[in-house]
Protein backbone atom coordinates (compact mmCIF):
# COMPACT_ATOMS: atom_id res chain seq x y z
CA MET A 1 71.53 111.13 106.08
CA PRO A 2 73.01 107.63 105.78
CA THR A 3 74.39 105.91 108.84
CA PRO A 4 78.13 105.12 108.78
CA ALA A 5 77.44 101.53 107.78
CA GLN A 6 75.46 102.54 104.69
CA LYS A 7 77.23 102.91 101.36
CA ILE A 8 76.91 105.88 99.03
CA THR A 9 79.19 104.59 96.28
CA THR A 10 77.83 101.63 94.32
CA PRO A 11 79.73 98.32 94.42
CA ALA A 12 80.43 98.62 90.68
CA GLN A 13 81.94 102.08 91.09
CA THR A 14 84.01 100.94 94.06
CA GLU A 15 85.36 98.01 92.06
CA GLN A 16 86.31 100.34 89.21
CA ASP A 17 88.00 102.76 91.62
CA ILE A 18 90.11 99.91 93.05
CA LEU A 19 91.03 98.72 89.53
CA ASP A 20 92.06 102.29 88.62
CA PHE A 21 94.20 102.42 91.76
CA ARG A 22 95.85 99.13 90.82
CA GLU A 23 96.73 100.48 87.37
CA ALA A 24 98.15 103.66 88.91
CA GLN A 25 100.29 101.60 91.27
CA LEU A 26 101.62 99.55 88.36
CA LYS A 27 102.53 102.72 86.46
CA ASP A 28 104.32 104.02 89.55
CA GLY A 29 106.51 100.89 89.52
CA ARG A 30 105.28 99.49 92.83
CA ALA A 31 106.32 95.92 93.62
CA SER A 32 103.71 93.32 92.68
CA GLU A 33 103.69 92.08 96.28
CA THR A 34 102.88 95.58 97.56
CA ILE A 35 100.14 96.10 94.98
CA SER A 36 98.56 92.74 95.72
CA SER A 37 98.39 93.34 99.47
CA ARG A 38 97.02 96.87 98.99
CA ILE A 39 94.27 95.75 96.62
CA GLN A 40 93.34 92.90 98.93
CA VAL A 41 92.87 95.15 101.96
CA LEU A 42 90.88 97.74 99.97
CA HIS A 43 88.53 94.99 98.78
CA GLN A 44 88.22 93.74 102.35
CA VAL A 45 87.26 97.13 103.76
CA SER A 46 84.96 97.96 100.82
CA GLN A 47 82.78 95.00 101.87
CA ILE A 48 82.27 96.66 105.26
CA CYS A 49 81.85 100.36 104.46
CA ASP A 50 82.16 102.99 101.73
CA ILE A 51 85.88 103.47 101.09
CA ASN A 52 85.23 106.74 99.26
CA ASP A 53 83.89 108.39 102.41
CA THR A 54 86.82 109.36 104.64
CA ASP A 55 84.62 110.11 107.67
CA ILE A 56 83.11 106.64 107.51
CA ILE A 57 86.58 105.09 107.27
CA LYS A 58 87.70 107.02 110.35
CA THR A 59 84.61 105.91 112.24
CA TRP A 60 85.11 102.28 111.29
CA LEU A 61 88.80 102.29 112.31
CA ALA A 62 87.81 103.56 115.76
CA ASP A 63 84.74 101.32 116.07
CA THR A 64 86.31 98.33 117.81
CA LYS A 65 83.04 97.43 119.58
CA ASN A 66 80.85 97.82 116.49
CA GLU A 67 78.60 100.47 118.00
CA HIS A 68 77.77 102.16 114.67
CA GLY A 69 76.08 99.36 112.75
CA PHE A 70 78.91 98.16 110.54
CA THR A 71 78.76 94.61 109.25
CA LYS A 72 82.00 93.93 111.10
CA ALA A 73 83.89 95.72 113.86
CA CYS A 74 87.48 96.80 113.30
CA THR A 75 89.65 94.22 115.06
CA TRP A 76 93.01 95.48 113.80
CA ASN A 77 95.82 96.44 116.14
CA ASN A 78 97.46 99.84 115.78
CA ARG A 79 100.25 98.51 113.57
CA THR A 80 97.77 97.10 111.06
CA LYS A 81 95.69 100.28 111.18
CA THR A 82 98.79 102.35 110.44
CA LYS A 83 99.64 100.13 107.50
CA PHE A 84 96.09 100.44 106.15
CA ILE A 85 96.16 104.22 106.52
CA ASP A 86 99.29 104.29 104.36
CA THR A 87 97.49 102.26 101.68
CA TYR A 88 94.29 104.28 101.97
CA SER A 89 96.18 107.58 101.72
CA ALA A 90 97.76 106.39 98.47
CA TYR A 91 94.31 105.38 97.18
CA LEU A 92 92.86 108.82 98.02
CA LYS A 93 95.83 110.60 96.47
CA GLN A 94 95.19 108.78 93.19
CA LYS A 95 91.57 110.05 93.34
CA ASN A 96 92.65 113.59 94.32
CA ILE A 97 90.77 113.36 97.62
CA GLN A 98 92.17 115.17 100.66
CA TRP A 99 91.86 113.82 104.19
CA ASN A 100 93.32 114.18 107.66
CA PRO A 101 94.32 110.63 108.61
CA PRO A 102 93.92 109.51 112.23
CA LYS A 103 97.06 108.85 114.21
CA TYR A 104 97.67 105.45 115.76
CA THR A 105 100.80 104.59 117.71
CA ALA A 106 102.04 101.11 116.92
CA LYS A 107 103.89 99.22 119.64
CA GLU A 108 107.39 98.37 118.51
CA ARG A 109 108.15 94.65 118.71
CA LEU A 110 111.11 92.61 117.58
CA PRO A 111 110.29 89.97 114.96
CA PHE A 112 109.72 86.37 116.02
CA ILE A 113 112.85 84.28 115.47
CA PRO A 114 112.39 80.48 115.58
CA THR A 115 115.18 78.04 116.29
CA GLU A 116 116.96 76.38 113.39
CA LEU A 117 115.54 73.06 114.54
CA GLU A 118 111.99 74.41 114.22
CA ILE A 119 112.75 75.73 110.73
CA ASP A 120 114.23 72.39 109.68
CA GLN A 121 111.24 70.52 111.11
CA LEU A 122 108.90 72.70 109.05
CA ILE A 123 110.97 72.13 105.91
CA ALA A 124 111.10 68.37 106.53
CA GLY A 125 107.32 68.12 106.92
CA ALA A 126 106.33 70.42 104.04
CA SER A 127 105.58 69.46 100.44
CA LYS A 128 108.48 69.45 97.97
CA THR A 129 107.54 72.85 96.57
CA ILE A 130 107.05 74.63 99.90
CA ALA A 131 110.11 72.91 101.39
CA THR A 132 112.21 74.22 98.49
CA VAL A 133 110.81 77.73 98.93
CA LEU A 134 111.62 77.64 102.65
CA GLN A 135 115.13 76.27 102.10
CA THR A 136 115.81 78.96 99.50
CA ILE A 137 114.83 81.76 101.86
CA LYS A 138 116.64 80.11 104.76
CA GLU A 139 119.91 80.18 102.81
CA THR A 140 119.55 83.53 101.00
CA ALA A 141 117.10 85.64 103.06
CA MET A 142 115.45 86.79 99.84
CA ARG A 143 111.95 88.27 100.00
CA ILE A 144 109.10 86.11 98.77
CA GLY A 145 108.51 88.61 95.95
CA GLU A 146 112.11 88.19 94.85
CA LEU A 147 111.82 84.42 95.04
CA THR A 148 108.75 84.32 92.78
CA GLN A 149 110.72 86.21 90.11
CA LEU A 150 113.52 83.64 89.98
CA LYS A 151 114.07 82.04 86.58
CA PRO A 152 116.16 78.95 85.78
CA ILE A 153 118.86 81.20 84.31
CA ASP A 154 119.27 82.86 87.72
CA ILE A 155 120.61 79.62 89.24
CA ASP A 156 124.29 79.04 88.44
CA GLN A 157 124.53 75.38 89.36
CA GLU A 158 128.22 75.09 88.49
CA ARG A 159 129.31 77.97 90.72
CA LYS A 160 126.49 77.32 93.21
CA ARG A 161 125.19 80.87 93.12
CA VAL A 162 121.81 82.55 92.78
CA ASN A 163 121.30 85.93 91.09
CA ILE A 164 118.58 87.86 92.92
CA THR A 165 116.57 90.53 91.12
CA PRO A 166 115.57 92.99 93.86
CA GLU A 167 112.20 94.43 94.80
CA LYS A 168 111.09 97.27 97.08
CA GLY A 169 114.04 99.43 96.03
CA SER A 170 116.64 96.96 97.27
CA ASN A 171 120.00 96.21 95.70
CA PRO A 172 120.62 93.20 93.44
CA ARG A 173 122.94 90.54 94.80
CA ILE A 174 124.55 87.20 93.95
CA LEU A 175 124.65 84.77 96.86
CA PRO A 176 126.01 81.26 97.43
CA ILE A 177 123.63 78.32 97.71
CA SER A 178 124.19 74.77 98.88
CA ASP A 179 124.27 71.49 96.98
CA LYS A 180 121.21 70.53 99.04
CA LEU A 181 119.20 73.47 97.71
CA ILE A 182 120.26 72.87 94.11
CA ALA A 183 119.11 69.25 94.43
CA MET A 184 115.78 70.37 95.91
CA ILE A 185 115.21 72.81 93.04
CA ASN A 186 115.99 70.11 90.48
CA ASN A 187 113.81 67.52 92.23
CA ARG A 188 110.56 69.49 92.31
CA PRO A 189 107.55 67.79 90.64
CA LYS A 190 107.88 67.82 86.84
CA ASP A 191 104.41 69.28 86.32
CA THR A 192 105.38 72.22 88.55
CA ARG A 193 108.56 72.84 86.58
CA ALA A 194 106.71 72.76 83.27
CA THR A 195 103.90 75.15 84.27
CA TYR A 196 105.74 78.43 84.81
CA LYS A 197 108.57 80.39 83.22
CA THR A 198 109.74 81.12 86.75
CA ILE A 199 111.17 78.47 89.06
CA PHE A 200 108.33 78.77 91.56
CA GLN A 201 104.61 79.55 91.50
CA PRO A 202 104.53 83.29 90.67
CA ARG A 203 101.54 84.07 92.92
CA THR A 204 102.80 84.83 96.41
CA LYS A 205 99.30 84.50 97.89
CA THR A 206 99.07 80.92 96.62
CA LEU A 207 102.41 80.04 98.20
CA ARG A 208 101.38 81.66 101.49
CA ASP A 209 98.10 79.72 101.51
CA TYR A 210 100.01 76.45 100.98
CA LEU A 211 102.42 77.34 103.79
CA CYS A 212 99.62 78.23 106.23
CA LYS A 213 97.87 74.89 105.72
CA GLN A 214 101.02 72.82 105.94
CA ARG A 215 102.61 74.54 108.94
CA LYS A 216 99.36 74.13 110.92
CA THR A 217 99.41 70.40 110.29
CA ILE A 218 103.10 70.15 111.17
CA ALA A 219 102.72 72.26 114.33
CA GLU A 220 99.87 70.06 115.56
CA LYS A 221 101.77 66.88 114.73
CA LEU A 222 104.85 68.06 116.66
CA ASN A 223 102.76 69.74 119.38
CA ASN A 224 104.72 72.95 118.86
CA PRO A 225 102.51 76.05 118.26
CA ARG A 226 105.61 78.17 117.56
CA ILE A 227 105.87 76.57 114.12
CA LYS A 228 102.55 78.19 113.18
CA LYS A 229 104.25 81.57 113.59
CA ILE A 230 106.91 80.86 110.95
CA SER A 231 106.28 82.84 107.75
CA PHE A 232 108.43 83.26 104.67
CA HIS A 233 109.61 86.63 105.98
CA THR A 234 110.43 85.03 109.34
CA LEU A 235 113.21 83.12 107.61
CA ARG A 236 114.62 86.36 106.21
CA HIS A 237 114.78 87.72 109.77
CA TRP A 238 116.34 84.48 111.02
CA LYS A 239 119.04 84.42 108.34
CA ALA A 240 119.90 88.10 108.83
CA THR A 241 120.19 87.57 112.59
CA MET A 242 122.46 84.57 112.10
CA GLU A 243 124.62 86.42 109.58
CA TYR A 244 125.20 89.18 112.10
CA HIS A 245 125.78 86.68 114.90
CA ASN A 246 128.44 84.86 112.89
CA THR A 247 130.21 87.94 111.52
CA LYS A 248 129.37 90.87 113.83
CA ASP A 249 129.55 92.89 110.58
CA ILE A 250 126.38 94.95 110.07
CA ILE A 251 127.60 96.21 106.68
CA HIS A 252 127.94 92.61 105.52
CA VAL A 253 124.35 91.94 106.64
CA LYS A 254 123.16 95.10 104.85
CA THR A 255 124.78 93.90 101.63
CA PHE A 256 123.50 90.36 102.09
CA LEU A 257 119.90 91.59 102.47
CA GLY A 258 120.17 94.14 99.67
CA HIS A 259 119.26 97.07 101.93
CA LYS A 260 119.87 100.55 100.53
CA SER A 261 120.45 101.99 103.98
CA VAL A 262 122.08 100.43 107.02
CA THR A 263 119.31 101.98 109.14
CA SER A 264 117.00 99.20 107.98
CA THR A 265 119.58 96.62 109.05
CA MET A 266 120.27 97.86 112.57
CA ILE A 267 117.37 95.86 114.04
CA TYR A 268 119.43 92.69 113.68
CA ILE A 269 121.95 93.95 116.21
CA ASN A 270 119.15 94.08 118.80
CA LEU A 271 117.81 90.71 117.72
CA GLU A 272 121.23 89.06 117.95
CA GLN A 273 121.88 90.54 121.38
CA ALA A 274 118.45 89.40 122.60
CA LEU A 275 118.87 85.83 121.35
CA PHE A 276 122.54 85.16 122.10
CA THR A 277 123.89 85.89 125.54
CA GLU A 278 127.18 84.03 125.48
CA THR A 279 130.26 86.25 125.63
CA ASP A 280 132.91 83.64 124.90
CA ASP A 281 132.59 83.14 121.15
CA ASN A 282 135.08 80.55 119.94
CA PHE A 283 135.48 80.11 116.22
CA THR A 284 137.43 77.99 113.78
CA CYS A 285 138.81 80.26 111.07
CA LYS A 286 139.75 79.31 107.52
CA VAL A 287 141.15 81.16 104.51
CA ALA A 288 139.94 80.36 100.98
CA HIS A 289 142.38 80.96 98.13
CA ASN A 290 140.04 80.13 95.26
CA GLU A 291 136.40 79.49 94.40
CA GLN A 292 136.62 75.75 95.01
CA GLU A 293 137.92 76.25 98.54
CA GLU A 294 135.17 78.81 99.20
CA THR A 295 132.51 76.35 98.10
CA GLU A 296 133.95 73.61 100.29
CA LEU A 297 133.95 75.90 103.33
CA ILE A 298 130.35 77.01 102.73
CA ASN A 299 129.19 73.43 102.35
CA THR A 300 130.80 72.51 105.68
CA GLY A 301 129.07 75.30 107.59
CA PHE A 302 131.62 78.14 107.43
CA THR A 303 130.35 81.71 107.09
CA HIS A 304 132.08 84.43 105.06
CA VAL A 305 133.57 87.24 107.18
CA ASN A 306 135.50 89.47 104.75
CA ASN A 307 138.03 89.62 101.92
CA ARG A 308 141.60 90.87 101.72
CA GLY A 309 142.86 91.00 98.20
CA GLU A 310 142.23 87.60 96.63
CA LEU A 311 141.89 85.88 100.02
CA ALA A 312 138.45 85.15 101.52
CA PHE A 313 138.15 84.67 105.27
CA TYR A 314 135.58 82.27 106.78
CA ARG A 315 134.71 81.05 110.26
CA LYS A 316 132.29 78.82 112.15
CA ARG A 317 131.64 78.12 115.79
CA LYS A 318 133.58 75.33 117.44
């Protein structure tokens, strides 16, 4: 009988199984970002134990002190274990293997929300490409997978709008962007613009690697470790929180993010209440009668609240 750390399936067979799973995920229409992360974690675990043996997988997940001879102990928290179990269950389903997954209770935590100053400091210190990526997500709250799909035709420079093709079952949306962002997109290095059909590097892992290296340098330079916690998705959380703070309209935030259900959006009510304690909210309100007036208000910091007929209502804090 092999010990838990020993592998029954050959490395070649494991690699083929993972490739087959990847093809099945593509056929099922899974987002490229989801597929990439799932394949990565399966490869990672396959280097430690036999991923085709469910009992070994269960043992490894519980073996935090490495008492069973694995090459590496499981150091994941319960949230990461739960996420892996979801991936592993999909992998087993594709292979028609039944299993009873272990149950781990993940502690619920609100996302980390940096200050706008910290975000702007990161953008200012990053390379042109990463700074443009960060500014895009800061203004639009799009997912990184949506950003990597952007093509030049999706940027309406005259109307100052971006057309977002959704992922993960979200809704498409057209959102306003600033003159600053348009200039940053146009001013990226020429070799970068000529390499891809998309506006940005299409590999999300490459962009994340660039961000990790640059934010570490910037955090150390500014002596602010919080900056190392800022991810691309952090900016989506920040923008959604600010949209709710400025409008107090959860349906607006749902539409802005492209959520199918408002249930996914409700977290931003808690985030806004946790971050902002003032009760006396004073605003300057403006009404836009046409597209030009709307653009002017957006560029001066006003946030859209709602529409009545052909009138668009905006406000910003005094």
